[in-house]
Amino acid sequence: MKLSILYSCAVLLVGWSALAGAAPKDDISQLETEFNAAYAANDLDQYFRYYSDDAILWFPEGRTDIPSYMKEWTEFIKSGGQILAGTLSDMHIRFSPQGDAAIASYLLHLKTREASQKVIDEVYQETDVWFKGAGGGWKIAHVALRAGARTPRINSVGTRHAANTGLFRLALLGHRPDDAQASAGFFSRPNPG
């Protein structure tokens, strides 16, 4: 009898742990969906609400900050440019051991119309680092986006996980990659204008 009660408690504990672990992953997945929907809808007010004020952003031109990006992207939209469509695929989410930071890595399929009316259809590899604030809300603290993406292969030792973990450690330590890494295309985002 005692053994069956102990076994039942263990099963409940494992089940509860699995459910508790799924909720934060679902939260980040939902936030990514909403964040990218605002981007695809060209809703700048909503889109920029997802970023922390001190977020680090890597574009093809190099590192930038939120005020500069907001100004540049607003000018792009006012000039007649816009995102026509955006979809996500191949989403992978990882958390820090403390559960207060998350990495979301995915493919972003974008169709963009430039101010010149030229339409560009591309796929990007995007990685967003989310930090949980004191009030419990999540904000994007770092974005890295690479143009010309191909679906990455995962080898038997988990290359993708190793790459995400490395970026995660860099973000948590506040490390800012040097220009050599940026020019190699490791951290980049499409030029909005």
N, C-alpha and C. Protein backbone atom coordinates (compact mmCIF):
# COMPACT_ATOMS: atom_id res chain seq x y z
N MET A 1 0.82 -1.19 0.00
CA MET A 1 0.00 0.00 0.00
C MET A 1 0.87 1.26 0.00
N LYS A 2 1.87 1.29 0.92
CA LYS A 2 2.75 2.46 0.98
C LYS A 2 3.50 2.66 -0.33
N LEU A 3 3.89 1.56 -0.96
CA LEU A 3 4.61 1.64 -2.21
C LEU A 3 3.74 2.23 -3.32
N SER A 4 2.46 1.83 -3.36
CA SER A 4 1.56 2.36 -4.40
C SER A 4 1.27 3.84 -4.16
N ILE A 5 1.18 4.27 -2.92
CA ILE A 5 0.96 5.70 -2.62
C ILE A 5 2.20 6.49 -3.02
N LEU A 6 3.38 5.98 -2.70
CA LEU A 6 4.62 6.63 -3.06
C LEU A 6 4.75 6.74 -4.58
N TYR A 7 4.41 5.66 -5.27
CA TYR A 7 4.45 5.64 -6.73
C TYR A 7 3.47 6.67 -7.31
N SER A 8 2.27 6.73 -6.77
CA SER A 8 1.26 7.70 -7.24
C SER A 8 1.74 9.13 -7.04
N CYS A 9 2.34 9.40 -5.91
CA CYS A 9 2.87 10.75 -5.63
C CYS A 9 3.97 11.11 -6.61
N ALA A 10 4.83 10.13 -6.92
CA ALA A 10 5.92 10.37 -7.86
C ALA A 10 5.37 10.68 -9.25
N VAL A 11 4.36 9.93 -9.68
CA VAL A 11 3.74 10.17 -10.99
C VAL A 11 3.10 11.56 -11.03
N LEU A 12 2.40 11.94 -9.98
CA LEU A 12 1.79 13.27 -9.93
C LEU A 12 2.84 14.37 -9.96
N LEU A 13 3.93 14.18 -9.24
CA LEU A 13 5.00 15.17 -9.20
C LEU A 13 5.64 15.34 -10.57
N VAL A 14 5.91 14.23 -11.25
CA VAL A 14 6.49 14.29 -12.59
C VAL A 14 5.52 14.97 -13.55
N GLY A 15 4.25 14.61 -13.48
CA GLY A 15 3.25 15.25 -14.35
C GLY A 15 3.12 16.73 -14.09
N TRP A 16 3.12 17.12 -12.83
CA TRP A 16 3.02 18.54 -12.48
C TRP A 16 4.25 19.29 -12.96
N SER A 17 5.43 18.69 -12.84
CA SER A 17 6.66 19.32 -13.31
C SER A 17 6.62 19.55 -14.81
N ALA A 18 6.12 18.59 -15.54
CA ALA A 18 6.03 18.73 -17.00
C ALA A 18 5.09 19.85 -17.38
N LEU A 19 3.97 19.95 -16.69
CA LEU A 19 3.01 21.04 -16.97
C LEU A 19 3.60 22.39 -16.60
N ALA A 20 4.29 22.47 -15.50
CA ALA A 20 4.90 23.73 -15.07
C ALA A 20 5.95 24.17 -16.07
N GLY A 21 6.71 23.22 -16.64
CA GLY A 21 7.73 23.55 -17.63
C GLY A 21 7.14 23.97 -18.96
N ALA A 22 5.96 23.51 -19.28
CA ALA A 22 5.34 23.85 -20.56
C ALA A 22 4.80 25.27 -20.56
N ALA A 23 4.34 25.76 -19.44
CA ALA A 23 3.73 27.10 -19.40
C ALA A 23 4.69 28.21 -19.84
N PRO A 24 5.91 28.30 -19.31
CA PRO A 24 6.81 29.36 -19.78
C PRO A 24 7.14 29.23 -21.26
N LYS A 25 7.31 28.01 -21.75
CA LYS A 25 7.59 27.81 -23.17
C LYS A 25 6.42 28.29 -24.01
N ASP A 26 5.21 27.99 -23.56
CA ASP A 26 4.01 28.48 -24.26
C ASP A 26 3.94 30.00 -24.21
N ASP A 27 4.33 30.59 -23.08
CA ASP A 27 4.33 32.06 -22.95
C ASP A 27 5.26 32.69 -23.99
N ILE A 28 6.48 32.17 -24.09
CA ILE A 28 7.45 32.73 -25.04
C ILE A 28 6.98 32.49 -26.47
N SER A 29 6.45 31.33 -26.74
CA SER A 29 5.92 31.04 -28.08
C SER A 29 4.82 32.03 -28.45
N GLN A 30 3.92 32.29 -27.51
CA GLN A 30 2.84 33.25 -27.74
C GLN A 30 3.39 34.66 -27.94
N LEU A 31 4.36 35.05 -27.11
CA LEU A 31 4.99 36.37 -27.26
C LEU A 31 5.66 36.51 -28.61
N GLU A 32 6.35 35.48 -29.06
CA GLU A 32 7.00 35.52 -30.38
C GLU A 32 5.96 35.67 -31.48
N THR A 33 4.85 34.95 -31.36
CA THR A 33 3.78 35.06 -32.35
C THR A 33 3.22 36.48 -32.39
N GLU A 34 2.95 37.06 -31.22
CA GLU A 34 2.41 38.42 -31.14
C GLU A 34 3.42 39.46 -31.63
N PHE A 35 4.68 39.31 -31.20
CA PHE A 35 5.75 40.23 -31.59
C PHE A 35 5.90 40.26 -33.11
N ASN A 36 5.96 39.08 -33.73
CA ASN A 36 6.14 39.02 -35.17
C ASN A 36 4.87 39.40 -35.93
N ALA A 37 3.70 39.20 -35.34
CA ALA A 37 2.45 39.65 -35.96
C ALA A 37 2.42 41.18 -36.01
N ALA A 38 2.86 41.83 -34.94
CA ALA A 38 2.92 43.30 -34.93
C ALA A 38 3.91 43.80 -35.98
N TYR A 39 5.04 43.11 -36.12
CA TYR A 39 6.04 43.45 -37.14
C TYR A 39 5.43 43.31 -38.54
N ALA A 40 4.77 42.18 -38.80
CA ALA A 40 4.18 41.92 -40.11
C ALA A 40 3.03 42.88 -40.42
N ALA A 41 2.35 43.38 -39.38
CA ALA A 41 1.24 44.32 -39.57
C ALA A 41 1.72 45.77 -39.63
N ASN A 42 3.04 45.98 -39.51
CA ASN A 42 3.61 47.32 -39.51
C ASN A 42 3.04 48.19 -38.38
N ASP A 43 2.69 47.55 -37.28
CA ASP A 43 2.15 48.24 -36.10
C ASP A 43 3.33 48.60 -35.20
N LEU A 44 3.94 49.75 -35.48
CA LEU A 44 5.18 50.13 -34.81
C LEU A 44 5.02 50.30 -33.31
N ASP A 45 3.93 50.90 -32.86
CA ASP A 45 3.72 51.09 -31.41
C ASP A 45 3.71 49.74 -30.69
N GLN A 46 2.95 48.80 -31.21
CA GLN A 46 2.86 47.48 -30.59
C GLN A 46 4.19 46.73 -30.71
N TYR A 47 4.80 46.79 -31.88
CA TYR A 47 6.06 46.09 -32.14
C TYR A 47 7.15 46.51 -31.16
N PHE A 48 7.33 47.79 -30.95
CA PHE A 48 8.42 48.27 -30.09
C PHE A 48 8.13 48.07 -28.60
N ARG A 49 6.91 47.76 -28.23
CA ARG A 49 6.59 47.47 -26.82
C ARG A 49 7.24 46.17 -26.33
N TYR A 50 7.59 45.30 -27.23
CA TYR A 50 8.18 44.02 -26.84
C TYR A 50 9.66 44.14 -26.47
N TYR A 51 10.31 45.23 -26.83
CA TYR A 51 11.73 45.42 -26.58
C TYR A 51 11.99 46.08 -25.23
N SER A 52 13.08 45.69 -24.57
CA SER A 52 13.54 46.45 -23.41
C SER A 52 14.18 47.73 -23.93
N ASP A 53 14.21 48.75 -23.11
CA ASP A 53 14.76 50.05 -23.54
C ASP A 53 16.23 49.96 -23.91
N ASP A 54 16.96 49.01 -23.32
CA ASP A 54 18.39 48.89 -23.57
C ASP A 54 18.75 47.66 -24.41
N ALA A 55 17.81 47.20 -25.22
CA ALA A 55 18.05 46.00 -26.05
C ALA A 55 19.23 46.23 -27.00
N ILE A 56 19.95 45.14 -27.26
CA ILE A 56 21.05 45.14 -28.22
C ILE A 56 20.51 44.50 -29.50
N LEU A 57 20.66 45.19 -30.61
CA LEU A 57 20.14 44.71 -31.89
C LEU A 57 21.29 44.65 -32.90
N TRP A 58 21.41 43.52 -33.58
CA TRP A 58 22.43 43.37 -34.62
C TRP A 58 21.77 43.32 -35.99
N PHE A 59 22.12 44.28 -36.83
CA PHE A 59 21.64 44.38 -38.20
C PHE A 59 22.85 44.17 -39.12
N PRO A 60 22.65 44.03 -40.42
CA PRO A 60 23.80 43.87 -41.32
C PRO A 60 24.80 45.03 -41.21
N GLU A 61 24.32 46.21 -40.89
CA GLU A 61 25.20 47.38 -40.77
C GLU A 61 25.96 47.41 -39.45
N GLY A 62 25.59 46.55 -38.52
CA GLY A 62 26.25 46.52 -37.23
C GLY A 62 25.25 46.62 -36.09
N ARG A 63 25.80 46.88 -34.91
CA ARG A 63 24.98 46.97 -33.70
C ARG A 63 24.25 48.32 -33.66
N THR A 64 23.03 48.29 -33.14
CA THR A 64 22.27 49.53 -32.96
C THR A 64 21.48 49.43 -31.66
N ASP A 65 20.79 50.52 -31.34
CA ASP A 65 19.98 50.57 -30.12
C ASP A 65 18.52 50.84 -30.50
N ILE A 66 17.66 50.79 -29.51
CA ILE A 66 16.22 50.94 -29.76
C ILE A 66 15.87 52.33 -30.33
N PRO A 67 16.33 53.43 -29.74
CA PRO A 67 15.96 54.74 -30.31
C PRO A 67 16.35 54.88 -31.78
N SER A 68 17.54 54.41 -32.14
CA SER A 68 18.00 54.51 -33.53
C SER A 68 17.16 53.63 -34.45
N TYR A 69 16.90 52.40 -34.00
CA TYR A 69 16.10 51.48 -34.80
C TYR A 69 14.68 52.00 -34.96
N MET A 70 14.11 52.51 -33.90
CA MET A 70 12.75 53.03 -33.96
C MET A 70 12.66 54.18 -34.98
N LYS A 71 13.64 55.06 -34.96
CA LYS A 71 13.67 56.19 -35.90
C LYS A 71 13.80 55.68 -37.34
N GLU A 72 14.74 54.77 -37.56
CA GLU A 72 14.99 54.24 -38.90
C GLU A 72 13.77 53.49 -39.43
N TRP A 73 13.17 52.63 -38.59
CA TRP A 73 12.03 51.83 -39.05
C TRP A 73 10.80 52.70 -39.29
N THR A 74 10.59 53.71 -38.46
CA THR A 74 9.48 54.64 -38.66
C THR A 74 9.65 55.38 -39.99
N GLU A 75 10.87 55.83 -40.30
CA GLU A 75 11.14 56.50 -41.57
C GLU A 75 10.88 55.56 -42.75
N PHE A 76 11.25 54.29 -42.60
CA PHE A 76 11.02 53.31 -43.65
C PHE A 76 9.52 53.18 -43.94
N ILE A 77 8.71 53.07 -42.90
CA ILE A 77 7.26 52.93 -43.07
C ILE A 77 6.67 54.21 -43.67
N LYS A 78 7.09 55.36 -43.16
CA LYS A 78 6.58 56.64 -43.69
C LYS A 78 6.96 56.86 -45.15
N SER A 79 8.06 56.25 -45.60
CA SER A 79 8.52 56.42 -46.98
C SER A 79 7.73 55.54 -47.95
N GLY A 80 6.85 54.68 -47.44
CA GLY A 80 6.06 53.81 -48.29
C GLY A 80 6.48 52.35 -48.24
N GLY A 81 7.54 52.06 -47.51
CA GLY A 81 7.95 50.67 -47.35
C GLY A 81 7.05 49.98 -46.34
N GLN A 82 6.98 48.66 -46.41
CA GLN A 82 6.20 47.92 -45.43
C GLN A 82 6.46 46.42 -45.54
N ILE A 83 6.15 45.73 -44.46
CA ILE A 83 6.15 44.27 -44.46
C ILE A 83 4.81 43.85 -45.04
N LEU A 84 4.85 43.01 -46.07
CA LEU A 84 3.62 42.52 -46.69
C LEU A 84 3.14 41.22 -46.04
N ALA A 85 4.09 40.40 -45.59
CA ALA A 85 3.74 39.13 -44.95
C ALA A 85 4.93 38.65 -44.13
N GLY A 86 4.61 37.96 -43.05
CA GLY A 86 5.66 37.39 -42.21
C GLY A 86 5.14 36.14 -41.52
N THR A 87 5.89 35.06 -41.61
CA THR A 87 5.52 33.82 -40.94
C THR A 87 6.75 33.22 -40.26
N LEU A 88 6.50 32.46 -39.21
CA LEU A 88 7.56 31.81 -38.44
C LEU A 88 7.53 30.31 -38.69
N SER A 89 8.70 29.70 -38.60
CA SER A 89 8.77 28.24 -38.63
C SER A 89 10.01 27.79 -37.87
N ASP A 90 10.08 26.51 -37.61
CA ASP A 90 11.24 25.88 -36.97
C ASP A 90 11.61 26.55 -35.64
N MET A 91 10.60 26.84 -34.80
CA MET A 91 10.81 27.51 -33.51
C MET A 91 11.44 26.56 -32.50
N HIS A 92 12.48 27.05 -31.84
CA HIS A 92 13.13 26.33 -30.73
C HIS A 92 13.29 27.31 -29.59
N ILE A 93 12.91 26.89 -28.38
CA ILE A 93 12.95 27.77 -27.21
C ILE A 93 13.74 27.08 -26.11
N ARG A 94 14.64 27.83 -25.50
CA ARG A 94 15.45 27.34 -24.37
C ARG A 94 15.35 28.36 -23.24
N PHE A 95 15.52 27.89 -22.00
CA PHE A 95 15.45 28.76 -20.82
C PHE A 95 16.73 28.68 -20.01
N SER A 96 17.02 29.75 -19.28
CA SER A 96 18.12 29.73 -18.32
C SER A 96 17.72 28.82 -17.17
N PRO A 97 18.68 28.30 -16.43
CA PRO A 97 18.33 27.44 -15.29
C PRO A 97 17.42 28.14 -14.28
N GLN A 98 17.53 29.47 -14.14
CA GLN A 98 16.69 30.20 -13.19
C GLN A 98 15.31 30.51 -13.76
N GLY A 99 15.12 30.31 -15.06
CA GLY A 99 13.83 30.56 -15.69
C GLY A 99 13.52 32.03 -15.93
N ASP A 100 14.54 32.90 -15.82
CA ASP A 100 14.31 34.33 -16.00
C ASP A 100 14.85 34.86 -17.32
N ALA A 101 15.32 33.97 -18.18
CA ALA A 101 15.80 34.34 -19.51
C ALA A 101 15.46 33.21 -20.46
N ALA A 102 15.14 33.57 -21.69
CA ALA A 102 14.78 32.57 -22.70
C ALA A 102 15.37 32.96 -24.04
N ILE A 103 15.68 31.96 -24.83
CA ILE A 103 16.13 32.16 -26.21
C ILE A 103 15.09 31.54 -27.11
N ALA A 104 14.63 32.32 -28.08
CA ALA A 104 13.74 31.79 -29.12
C ALA A 104 14.49 31.91 -30.44
N SER A 105 14.66 30.81 -31.10
CA SER A 105 15.39 30.75 -32.36
C SER A 105 14.46 30.15 -33.41
N TYR A 106 14.38 30.81 -34.57
CA TYR A 106 13.41 30.37 -35.58
C TYR A 106 13.76 30.92 -36.95
N LEU A 107 13.04 30.45 -37.95
CA LEU A 107 13.13 31.00 -39.29
C LEU A 107 11.99 31.99 -39.49
N LEU A 108 12.33 33.14 -40.02
CA LEU A 108 11.34 34.19 -40.28
C LEU A 108 11.25 34.38 -41.79
N HIS A 109 10.09 34.06 -42.34
CA HIS A 109 9.83 34.19 -43.77
C HIS A 109 9.16 35.55 -43.98
N LEU A 110 9.84 36.46 -44.69
CA LEU A 110 9.32 37.81 -44.86
C LEU A 110 9.16 38.18 -46.32
N LYS A 111 8.08 38.90 -46.59
CA LYS A 111 7.89 39.55 -47.88
C LYS A 111 7.80 41.04 -47.56
N THR A 112 8.74 41.81 -48.09
CA THR A 112 8.85 43.24 -47.79
C THR A 112 8.74 44.05 -49.07
N ARG A 113 8.01 45.15 -49.00
CA ARG A 113 7.98 46.10 -50.11
C ARG A 113 8.78 47.32 -49.71
N GLU A 114 9.80 47.63 -50.49
CA GLU A 114 10.62 48.81 -50.24
C GLU A 114 9.88 50.05 -50.71
N ALA A 115 10.37 51.21 -50.34
CA ALA A 115 9.76 52.47 -50.77
C ALA A 115 9.73 52.57 -52.29
N SER A 116 10.70 51.95 -52.96
CA SER A 116 10.77 51.95 -54.43
C SER A 116 9.73 51.03 -55.06
N GLN A 117 8.95 50.34 -54.22
CA GLN A 117 7.92 49.37 -54.61
C GLN A 117 8.50 48.01 -54.99
N LYS A 118 9.81 47.83 -54.89
CA LYS A 118 10.43 46.53 -55.13
C LYS A 118 10.02 45.59 -53.98
N VAL A 119 9.60 44.38 -54.34
CA VAL A 119 9.19 43.39 -53.34
C VAL A 119 10.32 42.37 -53.16
N ILE A 120 10.66 42.14 -51.92
CA ILE A 120 11.71 41.19 -51.56
C ILE A 120 11.09 40.07 -50.74
N ASP A 121 11.37 38.85 -51.12
CA ASP A 121 10.86 37.67 -50.42
C ASP A 121 12.07 36.88 -49.94
N GLU A 122 12.28 36.85 -48.62
CA GLU A 122 13.47 36.21 -48.06
C GLU A 122 13.15 35.43 -46.79
N VAL A 123 14.10 34.61 -46.41
CA VAL A 123 14.02 33.85 -45.16
C VAL A 123 15.22 34.26 -44.31
N TYR A 124 14.96 34.51 -43.03
CA TYR A 124 16.00 34.92 -42.09
C TYR A 124 16.05 33.95 -40.92
N GLN A 125 17.23 33.79 -40.34
CA GLN A 125 17.38 33.06 -39.08
C GLN A 125 17.37 34.11 -37.99
N GLU A 126 16.41 34.04 -37.08
CA GLU A 126 16.32 35.03 -36.01
C GLU A 126 16.46 34.34 -34.66
N THR A 127 17.18 35.01 -33.78
CA THR A 127 17.30 34.59 -32.40
C THR A 127 16.96 35.78 -31.52
N ASP A 128 15.98 35.62 -30.65
CA ASP A 128 15.57 36.65 -29.70
C ASP A 128 15.87 36.17 -28.30
N VAL A 129 16.50 37.02 -27.50
CA VAL A 129 16.77 36.71 -26.11
C VAL A 129 15.79 37.54 -25.27
N TRP A 130 14.99 36.85 -24.47
CA TRP A 130 13.97 37.46 -23.62
C TRP A 130 14.43 37.42 -22.17
N PHE A 131 14.29 38.53 -21.46
CA PHE A 131 14.56 38.58 -20.02
C PHE A 131 13.25 38.84 -19.31
N LYS A 132 13.05 38.16 -18.18
CA LYS A 132 11.86 38.38 -17.36
C LYS A 132 12.16 39.51 -16.39
N GLY A 133 11.29 40.52 -16.37
CA GLY A 133 11.46 41.67 -15.48
C GLY A 133 11.00 41.38 -14.07
N ALA A 134 11.24 42.35 -13.19
CA ALA A 134 10.87 42.22 -11.78
C ALA A 134 9.37 41.99 -11.62
N GLY A 135 8.56 42.57 -12.49
CA GLY A 135 7.11 42.41 -12.42
C GLY A 135 6.62 41.12 -13.06
N GLY A 136 7.54 40.31 -13.62
CA GLY A 136 7.15 39.04 -14.21
C GLY A 136 6.94 39.09 -15.71
N GLY A 137 6.93 40.29 -16.31
CA GLY A 137 6.74 40.40 -17.76
C GLY A 137 8.04 40.15 -18.52
N TRP A 138 7.91 39.67 -19.73
CA TRP A 138 9.05 39.37 -20.58
C TRP A 138 9.30 40.51 -21.56
N LYS A 139 10.59 40.85 -21.80
CA LYS A 139 11.00 41.84 -22.80
C LYS A 139 12.17 41.29 -23.58
N ILE A 140 12.27 41.69 -24.84
CA ILE A 140 13.40 41.27 -25.67
C ILE A 140 14.60 42.14 -25.32
N ALA A 141 15.70 41.47 -24.96
CA ALA A 141 16.92 42.15 -24.58
C ALA A 141 17.97 42.11 -25.68
N HIS A 142 17.83 41.18 -26.62
CA HIS A 142 18.82 41.03 -27.68
C HIS A 142 18.16 40.38 -28.88
N VAL A 143 18.48 40.87 -30.08
CA VAL A 143 18.02 40.26 -31.32
C VAL A 143 19.22 40.06 -32.23
N ALA A 144 19.30 38.90 -32.82
CA ALA A 144 20.29 38.61 -33.86
C ALA A 144 19.55 37.98 -35.02
N LEU A 145 19.71 38.57 -36.21
CA LEU A 145 18.99 38.06 -37.36
C LEU A 145 19.95 37.96 -38.54
N ARG A 146 19.93 36.83 -39.20
CA ARG A 146 20.85 36.57 -40.30
C ARG A 146 20.07 36.37 -41.58
N ALA A 147 20.41 37.13 -42.61
CA ALA A 147 19.75 37.03 -43.90
C ALA A 147 20.25 35.82 -44.68
N GLY A 148 19.45 35.40 -45.66
CA GLY A 148 19.84 34.31 -46.53
C GLY A 148 19.91 32.98 -45.82
N ALA A 149 18.99 32.74 -44.94
CA ALA A 149 19.03 31.56 -44.08
C ALA A 149 18.75 30.28 -44.84
N ARG A 150 19.40 29.24 -44.39
CA ARG A 150 19.09 27.87 -44.80
C ARG A 150 18.68 27.15 -43.54
N THR A 151 17.86 26.12 -43.67
CA THR A 151 17.47 25.34 -42.51
C THR A 151 18.71 24.65 -41.95
N PRO A 152 19.05 24.92 -40.69
CA PRO A 152 20.26 24.33 -40.12
C PRO A 152 20.09 22.83 -39.88
N ARG A 153 21.19 22.13 -39.99
CA ARG A 153 21.18 20.70 -39.71
C ARG A 153 21.61 20.48 -38.27
N ILE A 154 21.06 19.48 -37.66
CA ILE A 154 21.44 19.13 -36.29
C ILE A 154 22.21 17.82 -36.37
N ASN A 155 23.46 17.84 -35.91
CA ASN A 155 24.22 16.60 -35.92
C ASN A 155 24.00 15.84 -34.62
N SER A 156 24.66 14.70 -34.50
CA SER A 156 24.41 13.83 -33.36
C SER A 156 24.83 14.42 -32.02
N VAL A 157 25.69 15.44 -32.03
CA VAL A 157 26.11 16.04 -30.75
C VAL A 157 25.33 17.30 -30.43
N GLY A 158 24.34 17.62 -31.22
CA GLY A 158 23.47 18.76 -30.90
C GLY A 158 24.09 20.10 -31.23
N THR A 159 24.58 20.27 -32.44
CA THR A 159 25.23 21.52 -32.83
C THR A 159 24.33 22.72 -32.60
N ARG A 160 23.05 22.62 -32.96
CA ARG A 160 22.16 23.77 -32.80
C ARG A 160 22.07 24.15 -31.33
N HIS A 161 21.93 23.17 -30.45
CA HIS A 161 21.84 23.48 -29.02
C HIS A 161 23.11 24.17 -28.55
N ALA A 162 24.25 23.70 -29.01
CA ALA A 162 25.52 24.30 -28.60
C ALA A 162 25.58 25.75 -29.05
N ALA A 163 25.13 26.03 -30.27
CA ALA A 163 25.16 27.41 -30.77
C ALA A 163 24.21 28.29 -29.97
N ASN A 164 23.00 27.82 -29.70
CA ASN A 164 22.07 28.61 -28.90
C ASN A 164 22.59 28.85 -27.50
N THR A 165 23.19 27.83 -26.91
CA THR A 165 23.71 27.98 -25.56
C THR A 165 24.83 29.00 -25.53
N GLY A 166 25.69 29.00 -26.55
CA GLY A 166 26.77 29.98 -26.62
C GLY A 166 26.24 31.40 -26.72
N LEU A 167 25.24 31.63 -27.59
CA LEU A 167 24.65 32.95 -27.71
C LEU A 167 23.97 33.34 -26.41
N PHE A 168 23.32 32.37 -25.78
CA PHE A 168 22.63 32.63 -24.52
C PHE A 168 23.63 33.10 -23.46
N ARG A 169 24.77 32.40 -23.36
CA ARG A 169 25.79 32.80 -22.40
C ARG A 169 26.31 34.19 -22.70
N LEU A 170 26.54 34.50 -23.98
CA LEU A 170 27.00 35.83 -24.36
C LEU A 170 26.00 36.90 -23.92
N ALA A 171 24.71 36.64 -24.18
CA ALA A 171 23.68 37.61 -23.83
C ALA A 171 23.58 37.79 -22.32
N LEU A 172 23.64 36.69 -21.58
CA LEU A 172 23.51 36.79 -20.12
C LEU A 172 24.69 37.53 -19.50
N LEU A 173 25.86 37.41 -20.11
CA LEU A 173 27.05 38.08 -19.60
C LEU A 173 27.16 39.51 -20.10
N GLY A 174 26.25 39.92 -20.99
CA GLY A 174 26.30 41.27 -21.55
C GLY A 174 27.41 41.43 -22.56
N HIS A 175 27.92 40.30 -23.09
CA HIS A 175 29.01 40.34 -24.06
C HIS A 175 28.51 40.92 -25.37
N ARG A 176 29.30 41.76 -25.94
CA ARG A 176 28.97 42.33 -27.24
C ARG A 176 30.02 41.86 -28.24
N PRO A 177 29.62 41.04 -29.21
CA PRO A 177 30.59 40.50 -30.17
C PRO A 177 31.34 41.62 -30.89
N ASP A 178 32.60 41.33 -31.24
CA ASP A 178 33.40 42.35 -31.92
C ASP A 178 32.98 42.47 -33.38
N ASP A 179 33.55 43.45 -34.07
CA ASP A 179 33.17 43.72 -35.46
C ASP A 179 33.49 42.56 -36.38
N ALA A 180 34.52 41.77 -36.07
CA ALA A 180 34.84 40.62 -36.91
C ALA A 180 33.69 39.64 -36.94
N GLN A 181 33.06 39.39 -35.79
CA GLN A 181 31.92 38.48 -35.76
C GLN A 181 30.75 39.09 -36.52
N ALA A 182 30.52 40.38 -36.35
CA ALA A 182 29.40 41.03 -37.03
C ALA A 182 29.59 40.99 -38.53
N SER A 183 30.82 41.29 -39.01
CA SER A 183 31.05 41.31 -40.45
C SER A 183 30.98 39.91 -41.04
N ALA A 184 31.19 38.89 -40.22
CA ALA A 184 31.08 37.51 -40.70
C ALA A 184 29.62 37.11 -40.87
N GLY A 185 28.69 38.00 -40.49
CA GLY A 185 27.28 37.71 -40.67
C GLY A 185 26.68 36.89 -39.55
N PHE A 186 27.41 36.74 -38.44
CA PHE A 186 26.90 35.94 -37.33
C PHE A 186 25.71 36.61 -36.67
N PHE A 187 25.76 37.93 -36.52
CA PHE A 187 24.65 38.70 -35.96
C PHE A 187 24.22 39.72 -37.00
N SER A 188 22.99 39.61 -37.51
CA SER A 188 22.52 40.59 -38.47
C SER A 188 21.01 40.60 -38.53
N ARG A 189 20.45 41.67 -39.09
CA ARG A 189 19.02 41.83 -39.27
C ARG A 189 18.83 42.55 -40.60
N PRO A 190 17.75 42.30 -41.32
CA PRO A 190 17.58 42.94 -42.62
C PRO A 190 17.52 44.45 -42.49
N ASN A 191 18.06 45.12 -43.47
CA ASN A 191 18.04 46.57 -43.50
C ASN A 191 16.61 47.05 -43.70
N PRO A 192 16.05 47.79 -42.75
CA PRO A 192 14.65 48.21 -42.90
C PRO A 192 14.47 49.34 -43.89
N GLY A 193 15.49 49.95 -44.38
CA GLY A 193 15.33 51.08 -45.28
C GLY A 193 16.38 51.18 -46.23
